[in-house]
């Protein structure tokens, strides 16, 4: 049946000479894979390969069959045109991080409308804000996990300052394994979780060293709580670009 939906491209893989298979996080249908014929051919006027770059926001009319793993697109247009992201490498790297994180975490073709709305809101913010953007990967990772029901506890307790990433609980003592946040990292994490917007998160002063360590710790946490989760290819590029910025 035909279904209208918005979608965020997570990945596109070349298929044959002129086609792609695009993985899209849709508002109405969750994560779906679409075979798009002819998109890489010179004469394709309706759909261009650039439409399927990770992070692109689309409006689509799709043919959806619940029992099929590969769907098709009937109509497509941009749901939002980026203004700043394409010309600023740091913003591009953050967009790619967001797309890859979603790809790794959202494994089932079921709708997550609240998460979709949250994600599109953050991508639009990334494109339009005049302020610093370096805290967005931390904010997005924590709030995405919370939206999926695997979030870290939100309240920091000074008498239990160590956050055990394996168990997802605060402790009075350092655990017997290396997967934990110390008191300072736990407090920063609680502050990020308390933020209701990316603007609030951007106001938290962090060094690049703190961001790097925290985002790696959050990846460790996800590995413990999402069995299929694997390392993100976008992280090394993100870190390299962060190293060129002021702390």
Protein backbone atom coordinates (compact mmCIF):
# COMPACT_ATOMS: atom_id res chain seq x y z
CA UNK A 1 0.00 0.00 0.00
CA UNK A 2 1.04 3.63 -0.47
CA UNK A 3 2.17 5.42 2.68
CA UNK A 4 3.23 9.04 3.14
CA UNK A 5 6.02 9.63 5.64
CA UNK A 6 8.96 11.81 6.51
CA UNK A 7 12.34 10.15 6.82
CA UNK A 8 15.99 10.65 7.76
CA UNK A 9 18.55 8.82 5.65
CA UNK A 10 20.89 6.67 7.74
CA UNK A 11 22.88 4.93 5.00
CA UNK A 12 22.96 4.38 1.24
CA UNK A 13 24.77 1.47 -0.40
CA UNK A 14 25.43 1.25 -4.13
CA UNK A 15 23.42 -1.47 -5.87
CA UNK A 16 24.24 -2.45 -9.43
CA UNK A 17 25.36 0.20 -11.90
CA UNK A 18 22.86 2.96 -11.19
CA UNK A 19 20.84 2.11 -8.07
CA UNK A 20 21.17 2.32 -4.28
CA UNK A 21 19.68 0.59 -1.27
CA UNK A 22 18.88 3.32 1.24
CA UNK A 23 18.26 2.73 4.94
CA UNK A 24 15.86 5.39 6.18
CA UNK A 25 14.52 6.14 9.66
CA UNK A 26 10.92 7.01 8.83
CA UNK A 27 8.45 8.81 11.03
CA UNK A 28 5.56 6.42 10.36
CA UNK A 29 7.25 3.07 9.68
CA UNK A 30 10.48 3.06 11.67
CA UNK A 31 13.69 1.98 9.97
CA UNK A 32 13.10 0.71 6.44
CA UNK A 33 15.29 -0.22 3.47
CA UNK A 34 14.41 1.11 0.02
CA UNK A 35 15.65 -0.02 -3.38
CA UNK A 36 15.95 3.10 -5.52
CA UNK A 37 16.54 2.32 -9.19
CA UNK A 38 18.46 4.64 -11.49
CA UNK A 39 19.29 7.21 -8.84
CA UNK A 40 22.97 7.24 -9.83
CA UNK A 41 22.37 7.59 -13.56
CA UNK A 42 23.09 10.89 -15.30
CA UNK A 43 19.58 11.14 -16.66
CA UNK A 44 17.76 10.69 -13.36
CA UNK A 45 15.69 13.84 -12.83
CA UNK A 46 13.27 12.61 -10.18
CA UNK A 47 15.74 11.28 -7.60
CA UNK A 48 19.40 12.19 -7.22
CA UNK A 49 22.05 10.30 -5.26
CA UNK A 50 22.56 13.41 -3.12
CA UNK A 51 19.04 12.90 -1.76
CA UNK A 52 20.25 9.78 0.01
CA UNK A 53 23.31 11.07 1.83
CA UNK A 54 23.23 10.20 5.57
CA UNK A 55 21.34 12.80 7.56
CA UNK A 56 19.18 14.10 4.72
CA UNK A 57 15.58 14.81 5.72
CA UNK A 58 13.02 13.65 3.15
CA UNK A 59 9.31 13.63 2.48
CA UNK A 60 8.30 10.42 0.74
CA UNK A 61 5.39 8.45 -0.58
CA UNK A 62 6.42 4.80 -0.40
CA UNK A 63 5.10 1.40 -1.35
CA UNK A 64 5.03 -0.48 1.95
CA UNK A 65 4.58 -4.22 2.32
CA UNK A 66 4.98 -5.43 5.89
CA UNK A 67 6.35 -8.82 4.86
CA UNK A 68 9.03 -7.43 2.56
CA UNK A 69 12.49 -6.43 3.76
CA UNK A 70 13.12 -4.17 0.77
CA UNK A 71 10.58 -1.47 -0.07
CA UNK A 72 10.24 1.03 -2.93
CA UNK A 73 9.68 4.79 -3.16
CA UNK A 74 6.93 6.30 -5.31
CA UNK A 75 7.55 10.03 -4.68
CA UNK A 76 10.29 11.96 -2.92
CA UNK A 77 11.26 15.51 -2.10
CA UNK A 78 13.43 17.22 0.48
CA UNK A 79 11.73 17.66 3.83
CA UNK A 80 14.31 20.24 4.85
CA UNK A 81 17.18 21.90 3.01
CA UNK A 82 20.33 22.39 5.07
CA UNK A 83 21.90 25.83 5.03
CA UNK A 84 25.07 25.59 7.13
CA UNK A 85 25.81 21.90 7.52
CA UNK A 86 27.11 21.34 4.00
CA UNK A 87 29.78 24.02 4.31
CA UNK A 88 31.05 23.33 7.84
CA UNK A 89 32.98 20.06 8.39
CA UNK A 90 32.27 19.87 12.13
CA UNK A 91 28.53 20.07 11.56
CA UNK A 92 28.78 17.46 8.80
CA UNK A 93 30.71 15.13 11.13
CA UNK A 94 28.08 15.51 13.87
CA UNK A 95 25.28 14.82 11.38
CA UNK A 96 27.07 11.65 10.23
CA UNK A 97 27.57 10.61 13.86
CA UNK A 98 23.85 11.01 14.54
CA UNK A 99 22.91 9.00 11.44
CA UNK A 100 25.32 6.18 12.24
CA UNK A 101 24.28 6.03 15.89
CA UNK A 102 20.66 5.62 14.83
CA UNK A 103 21.68 2.95 12.33
CA UNK A 104 23.44 0.97 15.07
CA UNK A 105 20.68 1.31 17.67
CA UNK A 106 17.42 1.09 15.74
CA UNK A 107 17.38 -2.49 14.55
CA UNK A 108 13.66 -3.23 14.18
CA UNK A 109 11.20 -1.85 11.58
CA UNK A 110 8.84 -0.37 14.14
CA UNK A 111 7.79 3.29 14.48
CA UNK A 112 9.49 5.47 17.09
CA UNK A 113 7.64 8.70 16.37
CA UNK A 114 8.91 10.55 19.44
CA UNK A 115 12.50 9.58 18.63
CA UNK A 116 12.01 10.60 15.02
CA UNK A 117 10.67 14.01 16.04
CA UNK A 118 13.54 14.43 18.52
CA UNK A 119 16.13 13.52 15.89
CA UNK A 120 14.78 15.84 13.22
CA UNK A 121 14.64 18.65 15.78
CA UNK A 122 18.32 18.15 16.66
CA UNK A 123 19.39 18.07 13.00
CA UNK A 124 17.54 21.31 12.33
CA UNK A 125 19.14 22.86 15.41
CA UNK A 126 22.57 21.72 14.24
CA UNK A 127 21.95 23.48 10.94
CA UNK A 128 20.60 26.76 12.29
CA UNK A 129 22.27 27.50 15.62
CA UNK A 130 24.78 30.32 15.83
CA UNK A 131 26.23 28.89 19.04
CA UNK A 132 28.69 26.05 19.76
CA UNK A 133 27.69 22.58 18.57
CA UNK A 134 30.36 20.34 20.12
CA UNK A 135 28.13 19.12 22.98
CA UNK A 136 25.38 17.88 20.66
CA UNK A 137 26.78 14.33 20.21
CA UNK A 138 26.79 13.89 24.01
CA UNK A 139 23.31 15.35 24.45
CA UNK A 140 21.89 13.36 21.54
CA UNK A 141 23.42 10.05 22.65
CA UNK A 142 22.10 10.32 26.20
CA UNK A 143 18.60 11.41 25.23
CA UNK A 144 18.32 8.88 22.41
CA UNK A 145 19.19 6.09 24.85
CA UNK A 146 16.62 7.46 27.30
CA UNK A 147 13.97 7.53 24.58
CA UNK A 148 14.71 3.88 23.81
CA UNK A 149 14.24 2.90 27.45
CA UNK A 150 17.92 2.22 28.17
CA UNK A 151 18.87 5.62 29.54
CA UNK A 152 21.30 6.33 32.35
CA UNK A 153 19.87 7.53 35.69
CA UNK A 154 19.18 11.26 35.62
CA UNK A 155 19.95 12.27 39.21
CA UNK A 156 23.49 12.65 40.54
CA UNK A 157 24.08 11.80 44.21
CA UNK A 158 27.20 13.18 45.89
CA UNK A 159 27.21 10.28 48.36
CA UNK A 160 27.06 7.78 45.46
CA UNK A 161 29.23 9.49 42.84
CA UNK A 162 30.42 6.55 40.72
CA UNK A 163 28.19 5.55 37.81
CA UNK A 164 28.51 1.86 36.96
CA UNK A 165 28.01 1.65 33.19
CA UNK A 166 27.45 -2.10 33.19
CA UNK A 167 24.60 -1.96 35.69
CA UNK A 168 23.44 1.60 35.04
CA UNK A 169 23.44 2.53 38.74
CA UNK A 170 25.32 4.89 41.04
CA UNK A 171 27.68 3.42 43.63
CA UNK A 172 29.40 4.68 46.77
CA UNK A 173 32.64 3.03 45.69
CA UNK A 174 34.64 2.41 42.51
CA UNK A 175 33.43 -0.87 40.94
CA UNK A 176 35.78 -3.80 40.38
CA UNK A 177 35.74 -3.27 36.59
CA UNK A 178 36.83 -0.30 34.42
CA UNK A 179 33.41 0.57 32.98
CA UNK A 180 32.33 3.46 35.19
CA UNK A 181 32.18 7.25 35.34
CA UNK A 182 34.01 9.10 38.08
CA UNK A 183 32.31 11.79 40.16
CA UNK A 184 33.04 14.65 37.76
CA UNK A 185 31.92 12.67 34.70
CA UNK A 186 28.79 11.47 36.49
CA UNK A 187 27.85 15.02 37.42
CA UNK A 188 28.35 16.27 33.85
CA UNK A 189 26.24 13.38 32.56
CA UNK A 190 23.42 14.24 34.97
CA UNK A 191 23.57 17.88 33.85
CA UNK A 192 23.33 16.85 30.20
CA UNK A 193 20.39 14.58 30.97
CA UNK A 194 18.65 17.42 32.80
CA UNK A 195 18.84 19.64 29.71
CA UNK A 196 15.56 20.04 27.85
CA UNK A 197 17.16 21.38 24.68
CA UNK A 198 20.39 21.36 22.71
CA UNK A 199 20.77 25.05 23.53
CA UNK A 200 20.90 24.22 27.24
CA UNK A 201 23.44 21.46 26.61
CA UNK A 202 25.59 23.81 24.53
CA UNK A 203 25.92 26.13 27.53
CA UNK A 204 27.74 23.47 29.59
CA UNK A 205 31.45 24.27 29.49
CA UNK A 206 33.53 21.21 28.58
CA UNK A 207 37.01 20.65 27.22
CA UNK A 208 37.58 18.56 24.11
CA UNK A 209 39.30 15.98 26.32
CA UNK A 210 36.18 15.70 28.48
CA UNK A 211 33.94 15.35 25.43
CA UNK A 212 36.14 12.68 23.93
CA UNK A 213 36.25 10.61 27.12
CA UNK A 214 32.53 10.95 27.79
CA UNK A 215 31.44 9.99 24.30
CA UNK A 216 33.68 6.91 24.42
CA UNK A 217 32.21 6.00 27.81
CA UNK A 218 28.70 6.36 26.44
CA UNK A 219 29.63 4.01 23.59
CA UNK A 220 30.85 1.51 26.21
CA UNK A 221 27.53 1.82 27.99
CA UNK A 222 25.60 1.15 24.79
CA UNK A 223 27.72 -1.92 24.06
CA UNK A 224 26.71 -3.37 27.41
CA UNK A 225 23.00 -2.70 26.92
CA UNK A 226 22.52 -3.19 23.16
CA UNK A 227 24.09 -6.55 22.19
CA UNK A 228 24.28 -5.73 18.46
CA UNK A 229 25.91 -2.33 19.00
CA UNK A 230 29.30 -1.89 17.33
CA UNK A 231 31.89 0.87 17.13
CA UNK A 232 31.03 3.92 15.05
CA UNK A 233 33.13 4.77 12.00
CA UNK A 234 32.15 8.43 12.42
CA UNK A 235 33.93 8.84 15.76
CA UNK A 236 37.58 9.16 14.60
CA UNK A 237 36.63 11.87 12.12
CA UNK A 238 34.57 13.65 14.76
CA UNK A 239 37.46 13.56 17.23
CA UNK A 240 39.93 14.79 14.63
CA UNK A 241 37.74 17.79 13.86
CA UNK A 242 37.12 18.49 17.54
CA UNK A 243 40.88 18.61 18.07
CA UNK A 244 41.05 21.58 15.68
CA UNK A 245 38.55 23.54 17.76
CA UNK A 246 39.10 25.57 20.90
CA UNK A 247 38.48 23.68 24.13
